[in-house]
Amino acid sequence: IRIDTRVLAATNRNLLDMVDEGTFRED
């Protein structure tokens, strides 16, 4: 299914730390 949706995301966590921990995808 093709979609045309703008994505906004928010977090109160440090995603780079999660990337280092392997709990968040770097890409």
mmCIF file of all heavy atoms, coordinates in Angstrom:
data_MODEL
# 
_entry.id   MODEL 
# 
loop_
_atom_site.group_PDB 
_atom_site.id 
_atom_site.type_symbol 
_atom_site.label_atom_id 
_atom_site.label_alt_id 
_atom_site.label_comp_id 
_atom_site.label_asym_id 
_atom_site.label_entity_id 
_atom_site.label_seq_id 
_atom_site.pdbx_PDB_ins_code 
_atom_site.Cartn_x 
_atom_site.Cartn_y 
_atom_site.Cartn_z 
_atom_site.occupancy 
_atom_site.B_iso_or_equiv 
_atom_site.pdbx_formal_charge 
_atom_site.auth_seq_id 
_atom_site.auth_comp_id 
_atom_site.auth_asym_id 
_atom_site.auth_atom_id 
_atom_site.pdbx_PDB_model_num 
ATOM 1   N N   . ILE A 1 1  ? 0.862  -1.193 0.000  1.00 0.00 ? 1  ILE A N   1 
ATOM 2   C CA  . ILE A 1 1  ? 0.000  0.000  0.000  1.00 0.00 ? 1  ILE A CA  1 
ATOM 3   C C   . ILE A 1 1  ? 0.891  1.234  0.000  1.00 0.00 ? 1  ILE A C   1 
ATOM 4   O O   . ILE A 1 1  ? 1.744  1.402  0.889  1.00 0.00 ? 1  ILE A O   1 
ATOM 5   C CB  . ILE A 1 1  ? -0.937 0.007  1.221  1.00 0.00 ? 1  ILE A CB  1 
ATOM 6   C CG1 . ILE A 1 1  ? -1.815 -1.242 1.228  1.00 0.00 ? 1  ILE A CG1 1 
ATOM 7   C CG2 . ILE A 1 1  ? -1.779 1.275  1.251  1.00 0.00 ? 1  ILE A CG2 1 
ATOM 8   C CD1 . ILE A 1 1  ? -2.647 -1.380 2.499  1.00 0.00 ? 1  ILE A CD1 1 
ATOM 9   N N   . ARG A 1 2  ? 0.720  2.100  -0.989 1.00 0.00 ? 2  ARG A N   1 
ATOM 10  C CA  . ARG A 1 2  ? 1.460  3.358  -1.055 1.00 0.00 ? 2  ARG A CA  1 
ATOM 11  C C   . ARG A 1 2  ? 0.815  4.375  -0.118 1.00 0.00 ? 2  ARG A C   1 
ATOM 12  O O   . ARG A 1 2  ? -0.411 4.488  -0.056 1.00 0.00 ? 2  ARG A O   1 
ATOM 13  C CB  . ARG A 1 2  ? 1.472  3.912  -2.473 1.00 0.00 ? 2  ARG A CB  1 
ATOM 14  C CG  . ARG A 1 2  ? 2.179  3.052  -3.506 1.00 0.00 ? 2  ARG A CG  1 
ATOM 15  C CD  . ARG A 1 2  ? 3.690  3.089  -3.317 1.00 0.00 ? 2  ARG A CD  1 
ATOM 16  N NE  . ARG A 1 2  ? 4.233  4.443  -3.476 1.00 0.00 ? 2  ARG A NE  1 
ATOM 17  C CZ  . ARG A 1 2  ? 5.518  4.742  -3.352 1.00 0.00 ? 2  ARG A CZ  1 
ATOM 18  N NH1 . ARG A 1 2  ? 6.390  3.784  -3.034 1.00 0.00 ? 2  ARG A NH1 1 
ATOM 19  N NH2 . ARG A 1 2  ? 5.929  5.974  -3.525 1.00 0.00 ? 2  ARG A NH2 1 
ATOM 20  N N   . ILE A 1 3  ? 1.638  5.126  0.615  1.00 0.00 ? 3  ILE A N   1 
ATOM 21  C CA  . ILE A 1 3  ? 1.106  6.159  1.520  1.00 0.00 ? 3  ILE A CA  1 
ATOM 22  C C   . ILE A 1 3  ? 1.878  7.453  1.337  1.00 0.00 ? 3  ILE A C   1 
ATOM 23  O O   . ILE A 1 3  ? 3.030  7.464  0.899  1.00 0.00 ? 3  ILE A O   1 
ATOM 24  C CB  . ILE A 1 3  ? 1.184  5.712  2.997  1.00 0.00 ? 3  ILE A CB  1 
ATOM 25  C CG1 . ILE A 1 3  ? 2.635  5.389  3.374  1.00 0.00 ? 3  ILE A CG1 1 
ATOM 26  C CG2 . ILE A 1 3  ? 0.268  4.549  3.290  1.00 0.00 ? 3  ILE A CG2 1 
ATOM 27  C CD1 . ILE A 1 3  ? 2.848  5.259  4.857  1.00 0.00 ? 3  ILE A CD1 1 
ATOM 28  N N   . ASP A 1 4  ? 1.229  8.538  1.666  1.00 0.00 ? 4  ASP A N   1 
ATOM 29  C CA  . ASP A 1 4  ? 1.842  9.871  1.631  1.00 0.00 ? 4  ASP A CA  1 
ATOM 30  C C   . ASP A 1 4  ? 1.634  10.499 3.004  1.00 0.00 ? 4  ASP A C   1 
ATOM 31  O O   . ASP A 1 4  ? 0.691  11.244 3.229  1.00 0.00 ? 4  ASP A O   1 
ATOM 32  C CB  . ASP A 1 4  ? 1.215  10.717 0.528  1.00 0.00 ? 4  ASP A CB  1 
ATOM 33  C CG  . ASP A 1 4  ? 1.766  12.138 0.504  1.00 0.00 ? 4  ASP A CG  1 
ATOM 34  O OD1 . ASP A 1 4  ? 2.897  12.327 0.977  1.00 0.00 ? 4  ASP A OD1 1 
ATOM 35  O OD2 . ASP A 1 4  ? 1.032  13.037 0.055  1.00 0.00 ? 4  ASP A OD2 1 
ATOM 36  N N   . THR A 1 5  ? 2.505  10.166 3.923  1.00 0.00 ? 5  THR A N   1 
ATOM 37  C CA  . THR A 1 5  ? 2.352  10.595 5.314  1.00 0.00 ? 5  THR A CA  1 
ATOM 38  C C   . THR A 1 5  ? 3.652  11.213 5.807  1.00 0.00 ? 5  THR A C   1 
ATOM 39  O O   . THR A 1 5  ? 4.728  10.644 5.610  1.00 0.00 ? 5  THR A O   1 
ATOM 40  C CB  . THR A 1 5  ? 1.997  9.397  6.220  1.00 0.00 ? 5  THR A CB  1 
ATOM 41  O OG1 . THR A 1 5  ? 0.832  8.762  5.717  1.00 0.00 ? 5  THR A OG1 1 
ATOM 42  C CG2 . THR A 1 5  ? 1.763  9.853  7.658  1.00 0.00 ? 5  THR A CG2 1 
ATOM 43  N N   . ARG A 1 6  ? 3.541  12.370 6.432  1.00 0.00 ? 6  ARG A N   1 
ATOM 44  C CA  . ARG A 1 6  ? 4.718  12.989 7.045  1.00 0.00 ? 6  ARG A CA  1 
ATOM 45  C C   . ARG A 1 6  ? 4.888  12.424 8.448  1.00 0.00 ? 6  ARG A C   1 
ATOM 46  O O   . ARG A 1 6  ? 3.926  12.312 9.205  1.00 0.00 ? 6  ARG A O   1 
ATOM 47  C CB  . ARG A 1 6  ? 4.562  14.500 7.127  1.00 0.00 ? 6  ARG A CB  1 
ATOM 48  C CG  . ARG A 1 6  ? 5.816  15.186 7.690  1.00 0.00 ? 6  ARG A CG  1 
ATOM 49  C CD  . ARG A 1 6  ? 5.652  16.669 7.802  1.00 0.00 ? 6  ARG A CD  1 
ATOM 50  N NE  . ARG A 1 6  ? 6.915  17.336 8.052  1.00 0.00 ? 6  ARG A NE  1 
ATOM 51  C CZ  . ARG A 1 6  ? 7.057  18.659 8.140  1.00 0.00 ? 6  ARG A CZ  1 
ATOM 52  N NH1 . ARG A 1 6  ? 6.000  19.446 7.980  1.00 0.00 ? 6  ARG A NH1 1 
ATOM 53  N NH2 . ARG A 1 6  ? 8.243  19.190 8.367  1.00 0.00 ? 6  ARG A NH2 1 
ATOM 54  N N   . VAL A 1 7  ? 6.142  12.105 8.815  1.00 0.00 ? 7  VAL A N   1 
ATOM 55  C CA  . VAL A 1 7  ? 6.419  11.494 10.112 1.00 0.00 ? 7  VAL A CA  1 
ATOM 56  C C   . VAL A 1 7  ? 7.115  12.497 11.031 1.00 0.00 ? 7  VAL A C   1 
ATOM 57  O O   . VAL A 1 7  ? 8.151  13.077 10.685 1.00 0.00 ? 7  VAL A O   1 
ATOM 58  C CB  . VAL A 1 7  ? 7.291  10.238 9.952  1.00 0.00 ? 7  VAL A CB  1 
ATOM 59  C CG1 . VAL A 1 7  ? 7.634  9.644  11.323 1.00 0.00 ? 7  VAL A CG1 1 
ATOM 60  C CG2 . VAL A 1 7  ? 6.578  9.206  9.090  1.00 0.00 ? 7  VAL A CG2 1 
ATOM 61  N N   . LEU A 1 8  ? 6.512  12.686 12.203 1.00 0.00 ? 8  LEU A N   1 
ATOM 62  C CA  . LEU A 1 8  ? 7.125  13.433 13.292 1.00 0.00 ? 8  LEU A CA  1 
ATOM 63  C C   . LEU A 1 8  ? 7.295  12.460 14.448 1.00 0.00 ? 8  LEU A C   1 
ATOM 64  O O   . LEU A 1 8  ? 6.397  11.667 14.737 1.00 0.00 ? 8  LEU A O   1 
ATOM 65  C CB  . LEU A 1 8  ? 6.252  14.612 13.732 1.00 0.00 ? 8  LEU A CB  1 
ATOM 66  C CG  . LEU A 1 8  ? 5.764  15.573 12.638 1.00 0.00 ? 8  LEU A CG  1 
ATOM 67  C CD1 . LEU A 1 8  ? 4.877  16.649 13.246 1.00 0.00 ? 8  LEU A CD1 1 
ATOM 68  C CD2 . LEU A 1 8  ? 6.946  16.210 11.917 1.00 0.00 ? 8  LEU A CD2 1 
ATOM 69  N N   . ALA A 1 9  ? 8.436  12.490 15.100 1.00 0.00 ? 9  ALA A N   1 
ATOM 70  C CA  . ALA A 1 9  ? 8.689  11.582 16.210 1.00 0.00 ? 9  ALA A CA  1 
ATOM 71  C C   . ALA A 1 9  ? 9.216  12.362 17.400 1.00 0.00 ? 9  ALA A C   1 
ATOM 72  O O   . ALA A 1 9  ? 9.781  13.454 17.244 1.00 0.00 ? 9  ALA A O   1 
ATOM 73  C CB  . ALA A 1 9  ? 9.703  10.502 15.812 1.00 0.00 ? 9  ALA A CB  1 
ATOM 74  N N   . ALA A 1 10 ? 8.994  11.814 18.595 1.00 0.00 ? 10 ALA A N   1 
ATOM 75  C CA  . ALA A 1 10 ? 9.450  12.484 19.814 1.00 0.00 ? 10 ALA A CA  1 
ATOM 76  C C   . ALA A 1 10 ? 9.939  11.443 20.808 1.00 0.00 ? 10 ALA A C   1 
ATOM 77  O O   . ALA A 1 10 ? 9.479  10.295 20.813 1.00 0.00 ? 10 ALA A O   1 
ATOM 78  C CB  . ALA A 1 10 ? 8.328  13.309 20.419 1.00 0.00 ? 10 ALA A CB  1 
ATOM 79  N N   . THR A 1 11 ? 10.874 11.862 21.641 1.00 0.00 ? 11 THR A N   1 
ATOM 80  C CA  . THR A 1 11 ? 11.380 10.978 22.685 1.00 0.00 ? 11 THR A CA  1 
ATOM 81  C C   . THR A 1 11 ? 12.024 11.794 23.789 1.00 0.00 ? 11 THR A C   1 
ATOM 82  O O   . THR A 1 11 ? 12.509 12.908 23.546 1.00 0.00 ? 11 THR A O   1 
ATOM 83  C CB  . THR A 1 11 ? 12.415 9.980  22.120 1.00 0.00 ? 11 THR A CB  1 
ATOM 84  O OG1 . THR A 1 11 ? 12.824 9.093  23.157 1.00 0.00 ? 11 THR A OG1 1 
ATOM 85  C CG2 . THR A 1 11 ? 13.629 10.699 21.568 1.00 0.00 ? 11 THR A CG2 1 
ATOM 86  N N   . ASN A 1 12 ? 12.007 11.216 24.993 1.00 0.00 ? 12 ASN A N   1 
ATOM 87  C CA  . ASN A 1 12 ? 12.726 11.831 26.107 1.00 0.00 ? 12 ASN A CA  1 
ATOM 88  C C   . ASN A 1 12 ? 13.989 11.039 26.433 1.00 0.00 ? 12 ASN A C   1 
ATOM 89  O O   . ASN A 1 12 ? 14.626 11.269 27.451 1.00 0.00 ? 12 ASN A O   1 
ATOM 90  C CB  . ASN A 1 12 ? 11.837 11.911 27.351 1.00 0.00 ? 12 ASN A CB  1 
ATOM 91  C CG  . ASN A 1 12 ? 11.355 10.548 27.821 1.00 0.00 ? 12 ASN A CG  1 
ATOM 92  O OD1 . ASN A 1 12 ? 11.722 9.526  27.257 1.00 0.00 ? 12 ASN A OD1 1 
ATOM 93  N ND2 . ASN A 1 12 ? 10.528 10.540 28.844 1.00 0.00 ? 12 ASN A ND2 1 
ATOM 94  N N   . ARG A 1 13 ? 14.314 10.077 25.567 1.00 0.00 ? 13 ARG A N   1 
ATOM 95  C CA  . ARG A 1 13 ? 15.485 9.237  25.780 1.00 0.00 ? 13 ARG A CA  1 
ATOM 96  C C   . ARG A 1 13 ? 16.604 9.621  24.806 1.00 0.00 ? 13 ARG A C   1 
ATOM 97  O O   . ARG A 1 13 ? 16.366 10.280 23.793 1.00 0.00 ? 13 ARG A O   1 
ATOM 98  C CB  . ARG A 1 13 ? 15.119 7.766  25.601 1.00 0.00 ? 13 ARG A CB  1 
ATOM 99  C CG  . ARG A 1 13 ? 14.010 7.305  26.544 1.00 0.00 ? 13 ARG A CG  1 
ATOM 100 C CD  . ARG A 1 13 ? 13.705 5.837  26.392 1.00 0.00 ? 13 ARG A CD  1 
ATOM 101 N NE  . ARG A 1 13 ? 14.855 4.997  26.745 1.00 0.00 ? 13 ARG A NE  1 
ATOM 102 C CZ  . ARG A 1 13 ? 14.832 3.667  26.709 1.00 0.00 ? 13 ARG A CZ  1 
ATOM 103 N NH1 . ARG A 1 13 ? 13.732 3.028  26.327 1.00 0.00 ? 13 ARG A NH1 1 
ATOM 104 N NH2 . ARG A 1 13 ? 15.904 2.973  27.044 1.00 0.00 ? 13 ARG A NH2 1 
ATOM 105 N N   . ASN A 1 14 ? 17.827 9.184  25.143 1.00 0.00 ? 14 ASN A N   1 
ATOM 106 C CA  . ASN A 1 14 ? 18.974 9.419  24.269 1.00 0.00 ? 14 ASN A CA  1 
ATOM 107 C C   . ASN A 1 14 ? 19.067 8.256  23.285 1.00 0.00 ? 14 ASN A C   1 
ATOM 108 O O   . ASN A 1 14 ? 19.527 7.165  23.627 1.00 0.00 ? 14 ASN A O   1 
ATOM 109 C CB  . ASN A 1 14 ? 20.262 9.532  25.097 1.00 0.00 ? 14 ASN A CB  1 
ATOM 110 C CG  . ASN A 1 14 ? 21.446 9.986  24.264 1.00 0.00 ? 14 ASN A CG  1 
ATOM 111 O OD1 . ASN A 1 14 ? 21.609 9.578  23.125 1.00 0.00 ? 14 ASN A OD1 1 
ATOM 112 N ND2 . ASN A 1 14 ? 22.283 10.835 24.841 1.00 0.00 ? 14 ASN A ND2 1 
ATOM 113 N N   . LEU A 1 15 ? 18.619 8.495  22.068 1.00 0.00 ? 15 LEU A N   1 
ATOM 114 C CA  . LEU A 1 15 ? 18.566 7.417  21.080 1.00 0.00 ? 15 LEU A CA  1 
ATOM 115 C C   . LEU A 1 15 ? 19.944 6.914  20.682 1.00 0.00 ? 15 LEU A C   1 
ATOM 116 O O   . LEU A 1 15 ? 20.110 5.742  20.354 1.00 0.00 ? 15 LEU A O   1 
ATOM 117 C CB  . LEU A 1 15 ? 17.793 7.882  19.846 1.00 0.00 ? 15 LEU A CB  1 
ATOM 118 C CG  . LEU A 1 15 ? 16.304 8.209  20.057 1.00 0.00 ? 15 LEU A CG  1 
ATOM 119 C CD1 . LEU A 1 15 ? 15.641 8.549  18.732 1.00 0.00 ? 15 LEU A CD1 1 
ATOM 120 C CD2 . LEU A 1 15 ? 15.587 7.043  20.734 1.00 0.00 ? 15 LEU A CD2 1 
ATOM 121 N N   . LEU A 1 16 ? 20.949 7.789  20.708 1.00 0.00 ? 16 LEU A N   1 
ATOM 122 C CA  . LEU A 1 16 ? 22.302 7.341  20.365 1.00 0.00 ? 16 LEU A CA  1 
ATOM 123 C C   . LEU A 1 16 ? 22.820 6.336  21.389 1.00 0.00 ? 16 LEU A C   1 
ATOM 124 O O   . LEU A 1 16 ? 23.509 5.370  21.029 1.00 0.00 ? 16 LEU A O   1 
ATOM 125 C CB  . LEU A 1 16 ? 23.244 8.539  20.268 1.00 0.00 ? 16 LEU A CB  1 
ATOM 126 C CG  . LEU A 1 16 ? 23.210 9.311  18.947 1.00 0.00 ? 16 LEU A CG  1 
ATOM 127 C CD1 . LEU A 1 16 ? 24.160 10.495 19.003 1.00 0.00 ? 16 LEU A CD1 1 
ATOM 128 C CD2 . LEU A 1 16 ? 23.586 8.404  17.776 1.00 0.00 ? 16 LEU A CD2 1 
ATOM 129 N N   . ASP A 1 17 ? 22.492 6.578  22.671 1.00 0.00 ? 17 ASP A N   1 
ATOM 130 C CA  . ASP A 1 17 ? 22.869 5.596  23.688 1.00 0.00 ? 17 ASP A CA  1 
ATOM 131 C C   . ASP A 1 17 ? 22.161 4.270  23.430 1.00 0.00 ? 17 ASP A C   1 
ATOM 132 O O   . ASP A 1 17 ? 22.751 3.191  23.603 1.00 0.00 ? 17 ASP A O   1 
ATOM 133 C CB  . ASP A 1 17 ? 22.521 6.117  25.086 1.00 0.00 ? 17 ASP A CB  1 
ATOM 134 C CG  . ASP A 1 17 ? 23.467 7.212  25.546 1.00 0.00 ? 17 ASP A CG  1 
ATOM 135 O OD1 . ASP A 1 17 ? 24.512 7.389  24.894 1.00 0.00 ? 17 ASP A OD1 1 
ATOM 136 O OD2 . ASP A 1 17 ? 23.157 7.894  26.536 1.00 0.00 ? 17 ASP A OD2 1 
ATOM 137 N N   . MET A 1 18 ? 20.903 4.340  23.010 1.00 0.00 ? 18 MET A N   1 
ATOM 138 C CA  . MET A 1 18 ? 20.154 3.121  22.720 1.00 0.00 ? 18 MET A CA  1 
ATOM 139 C C   . MET A 1 18 ? 20.744 2.408  21.502 1.00 0.00 ? 18 MET A C   1 
ATOM 140 O O   . MET A 1 18 ? 20.751 1.177  21.437 1.00 0.00 ? 18 MET A O   1 
ATOM 141 C CB  . MET A 1 18 ? 18.682 3.462  22.484 1.00 0.00 ? 18 MET A CB  1 
ATOM 142 C CG  . MET A 1 18 ? 17.978 4.014  23.712 1.00 0.00 ? 18 MET A CG  1 
ATOM 143 S SD  . MET A 1 18 ? 16.236 4.359  23.408 1.00 0.00 ? 18 MET A SD  1 
ATOM 144 C CE  . MET A 1 18 ? 15.607 2.692  23.112 1.00 0.00 ? 18 MET A CE  1 
ATOM 145 N N   . VAL A 1 19 ? 21.237 3.197  20.539 1.00 0.00 ? 19 VAL A N   1 
ATOM 146 C CA  . VAL A 1 19 ? 21.901 2.591  19.387 1.00 0.00 ? 19 VAL A CA  1 
ATOM 147 C C   . VAL A 1 19 ? 23.128 1.807  19.845 1.00 0.00 ? 19 VAL A C   1 
ATOM 148 O O   . VAL A 1 19 ? 23.368 0.666  19.421 1.00 0.00 ? 19 VAL A O   1 
ATOM 149 C CB  . VAL A 1 19 ? 22.295 3.668  18.354 1.00 0.00 ? 19 VAL A CB  1 
ATOM 150 C CG1 . VAL A 1 19 ? 23.227 3.085  17.295 1.00 0.00 ? 19 VAL A CG1 1 
ATOM 151 C CG2 . VAL A 1 19 ? 21.056 4.262  17.700 1.00 0.00 ? 19 VAL A CG2 1 
ATOM 152 N N   . ASP A 1 20 ? 23.908 2.415  20.749 1.00 0.00 ? 20 ASP A N   1 
ATOM 153 C CA  . ASP A 1 20 ? 25.105 1.734  21.263 1.00 0.00 ? 20 ASP A CA  1 
ATOM 154 C C   . ASP A 1 20 ? 24.730 0.479  22.045 1.00 0.00 ? 20 ASP A C   1 
ATOM 155 O O   . ASP A 1 20 ? 25.478 -0.506 22.044 1.00 0.00 ? 20 ASP A O   1 
ATOM 156 C CB  . ASP A 1 20 ? 25.904 2.689  22.156 1.00 0.00 ? 20 ASP A CB  1 
ATOM 157 C CG  . ASP A 1 20 ? 26.502 3.847  21.369 1.00 0.00 ? 20 ASP A CG  1 
ATOM 158 O OD1 . ASP A 1 20 ? 26.666 3.701  20.145 1.00 0.00 ? 20 ASP A OD1 1 
ATOM 159 O OD2 . ASP A 1 20 ? 26.791 4.896  21.974 1.00 0.00 ? 20 ASP A OD2 1 
ATOM 160 N N   . GLU A 1 21 ? 23.584 0.521  22.708 1.00 0.00 ? 21 GLU A N   1 
ATOM 161 C CA  . GLU A 1 21 ? 23.137 -0.630 23.498 1.00 0.00 ? 21 GLU A CA  1 
ATOM 162 C C   . GLU A 1 21 ? 22.486 -1.711 22.629 1.00 0.00 ? 21 GLU A C   1 
ATOM 163 O O   . GLU A 1 21 ? 22.188 -2.805 23.119 1.00 0.00 ? 21 GLU A O   1 
ATOM 164 C CB  . GLU A 1 21 ? 22.150 -0.169 24.573 1.00 0.00 ? 21 GLU A CB  1 
ATOM 165 C CG  . GLU A 1 21 ? 22.770 0.763  25.622 1.00 0.00 ? 21 GLU A CG  1 
ATOM 166 C CD  . GLU A 1 21 ? 21.716 1.487  26.442 1.00 0.00 ? 21 GLU A CD  1 
ATOM 167 O OE1 . GLU A 1 21 ? 20.511 1.229  26.202 1.00 0.00 ? 21 GLU A OE1 1 
ATOM 168 O OE2 . GLU A 1 21 ? 22.089 2.287  27.310 1.00 0.00 ? 21 GLU A OE2 1 
ATOM 169 N N   . GLY A 1 22 ? 22.205 -1.391 21.383 1.00 0.00 ? 22 GLY A N   1 
ATOM 170 C CA  . GLY A 1 22 ? 21.586 -2.350 20.485 1.00 0.00 ? 22 GLY A CA  1 
ATOM 171 C C   . GLY A 1 22 ? 20.085 -2.431 20.607 1.00 0.00 ? 22 GLY A C   1 
ATOM 172 O O   . GLY A 1 22 ? 19.458 -3.355 20.084 1.00 0.00 ? 22 GLY A O   1 
ATOM 173 N N   . THR A 1 23 ? 19.453 -1.444 21.259 1.00 0.00 ? 23 THR A N   1 
ATOM 174 C CA  . THR A 1 23 ? 17.995 -1.454 21.426 1.00 0.00 ? 23 THR A CA  1 
ATOM 175 C C   . THR A 1 23 ? 17.291 -0.515 20.454 1.00 0.00 ? 23 THR A C   1 
ATOM 176 O O   . THR A 1 23 ? 16.059 -0.424 20.473 1.00 0.00 ? 23 THR A O   1 
ATOM 177 C CB  . THR A 1 23 ? 17.618 -1.075 22.867 1.00 0.00 ? 23 THR A CB  1 
ATOM 178 O OG1 . THR A 1 23 ? 18.194 0.198  23.191 1.00 0.00 ? 23 THR A OG1 1 
ATOM 179 C CG2 . THR A 1 23 ? 18.133 -2.114 23.853 1.00 0.00 ? 23 THR A CG2 1 
ATOM 180 N N   . PHE A 1 24 ? 18.063 0.197  19.637 1.00 0.00 ? 24 PHE A N   1 
ATOM 181 C CA  . PHE A 1 24 ? 17.456 1.066  18.630 1.00 0.00 ? 24 PHE A CA  1 
ATOM 182 C C   . PHE A 1 24 ? 18.295 1.001  17.368 1.00 0.00 ? 24 PHE A C   1 
ATOM 183 O O   . PHE A 1 24 ? 19.526 1.089  17.420 1.00 0.00 ? 24 PHE A O   1 
ATOM 184 C CB  . PHE A 1 24 ? 17.360 2.510  19.128 1.00 0.00 ? 24 PHE A CB  1 
ATOM 185 C CG  . PHE A 1 24 ? 16.350 3.341  18.388 1.00 0.00 ? 24 PHE A CG  1 
ATOM 186 C CD1 . PHE A 1 24 ? 15.020 3.350  18.766 1.00 0.00 ? 24 PHE A CD1 1 
ATOM 187 C CD2 . PHE A 1 24 ? 16.725 4.112  17.288 1.00 0.00 ? 24 PHE A CD2 1 
ATOM 188 C CE1 . PHE A 1 24 ? 14.077 4.103  18.073 1.00 0.00 ? 24 PHE A CE1 1 
ATOM 189 C CE2 . PHE A 1 24 ? 15.793 4.864  16.598 1.00 0.00 ? 24 PHE A CE2 1 
ATOM 190 C CZ  . PHE A 1 24 ? 14.462 4.855  16.990 1.00 0.00 ? 24 PHE A CZ  1 
ATOM 191 N N   . ARG A 1 25 ? 17.624 0.851  16.234 1.00 0.00 ? 25 ARG A N   1 
ATOM 192 C CA  . ARG A 1 25 ? 18.321 0.697  14.961 1.00 0.00 ? 25 ARG A CA  1 
ATOM 193 C C   . ARG A 1 25 ? 19.035 1.992  14.576 1.00 0.00 ? 25 ARG A C   1 
ATOM 194 O O   . ARG A 1 25 ? 18.432 3.068  14.585 1.00 0.00 ? 25 ARG A O   1 
ATOM 195 C CB  . ARG A 1 25 ? 17.351 0.309  13.857 1.00 0.00 ? 25 ARG A CB  1 
ATOM 196 C CG  . ARG A 1 25 ? 16.760 -1.081 13.994 1.00 0.00 ? 25 ARG A CG  1 
ATOM 197 C CD  . ARG A 1 25 ? 15.861 -1.357 12.805 1.00 0.00 ? 25 ARG A CD  1 
ATOM 198 N NE  . ARG A 1 25 ? 16.605 -1.312 11.547 1.00 0.00 ? 25 ARG A NE  1 
ATOM 199 C CZ  . ARG A 1 25 ? 16.841 -2.360 10.774 1.00 0.00 ? 25 ARG A CZ  1 
ATOM 200 N NH1 . ARG A 1 25 ? 16.402 -3.564 11.138 1.00 0.00 ? 25 ARG A NH1 1 
ATOM 201 N NH2 . ARG A 1 25 ? 17.510 -2.241 9.651  1.00 0.00 ? 25 ARG A NH2 1 
ATOM 202 N N   . GLU A 1 26 ? 20.313 1.867  14.216 1.00 0.00 ? 26 GLU A N   1 
ATOM 203 C CA  . GLU A 1 26 ? 21.090 3.040  13.842 1.00 0.00 ? 26 GLU A CA  1 
ATOM 204 C C   . GLU A 1 26 ? 20.568 3.663  12.554 1.00 0.00 ? 26 GLU A C   1 
ATOM 205 O O   . GLU A 1 26 ? 20.479 4.903  12.441 1.00 0.00 ? 26 GLU A O   1 
ATOM 206 C CB  . GLU A 1 26 ? 22.562 2.663  13.688 1.00 0.00 ? 26 GLU A CB  1 
ATOM 207 C CG  . GLU A 1 26 ? 23.470 3.850  13.437 1.00 0.00 ? 26 GLU A CG  1 
ATOM 208 C CD  . GLU A 1 26 ? 24.935 3.472  13.464 1.00 0.00 ? 26 GLU A CD  1 
ATOM 209 O OE1 . GLU A 1 26 ? 25.233 2.254  13.465 1.00 0.00 ? 26 GLU A OE1 1 
ATOM 210 O OE2 . GLU A 1 26 ? 25.780 4.390  13.476 1.00 0.00 ? 26 GLU A OE2 1 
ATOM 211 N N   . ASP A 1 27 ? 20.204 2.828  11.574 1.00 0.00 ? 27 ASP A N   1 
ATOM 212 C CA  . ASP A 1 27 ? 19.715 3.374  10.307 1.00 0.00 ? 27 ASP A CA  1 
ATOM 213 C C   . ASP A 1 27 ? 18.386 4.087  10.506 1.00 0.00 ? 27 ASP A C   1 
ATOM 214 O O   . ASP A 1 27 ? 18.115 5.103  9.858  1.00 0.00 ? 27 ASP A O   1 
ATOM 215 C CB  . ASP A 1 27 ? 19.593 2.279  9.245  1.00 0.00 ? 27 ASP A CB  1 
ATOM 216 C CG  . ASP A 1 27 ? 18.910 1.016  9.768  1.00 0.00 ? 27 ASP A CG  1 
ATOM 217 O OD1 . ASP A 1 27 ? 18.429 1.033  10.921 1.00 0.00 ? 27 ASP A OD1 1 
ATOM 218 O OD2 . ASP A 1 27 ? 18.875 0.021  9.018  1.00 0.00 ? 27 ASP A OD2 1 
# 
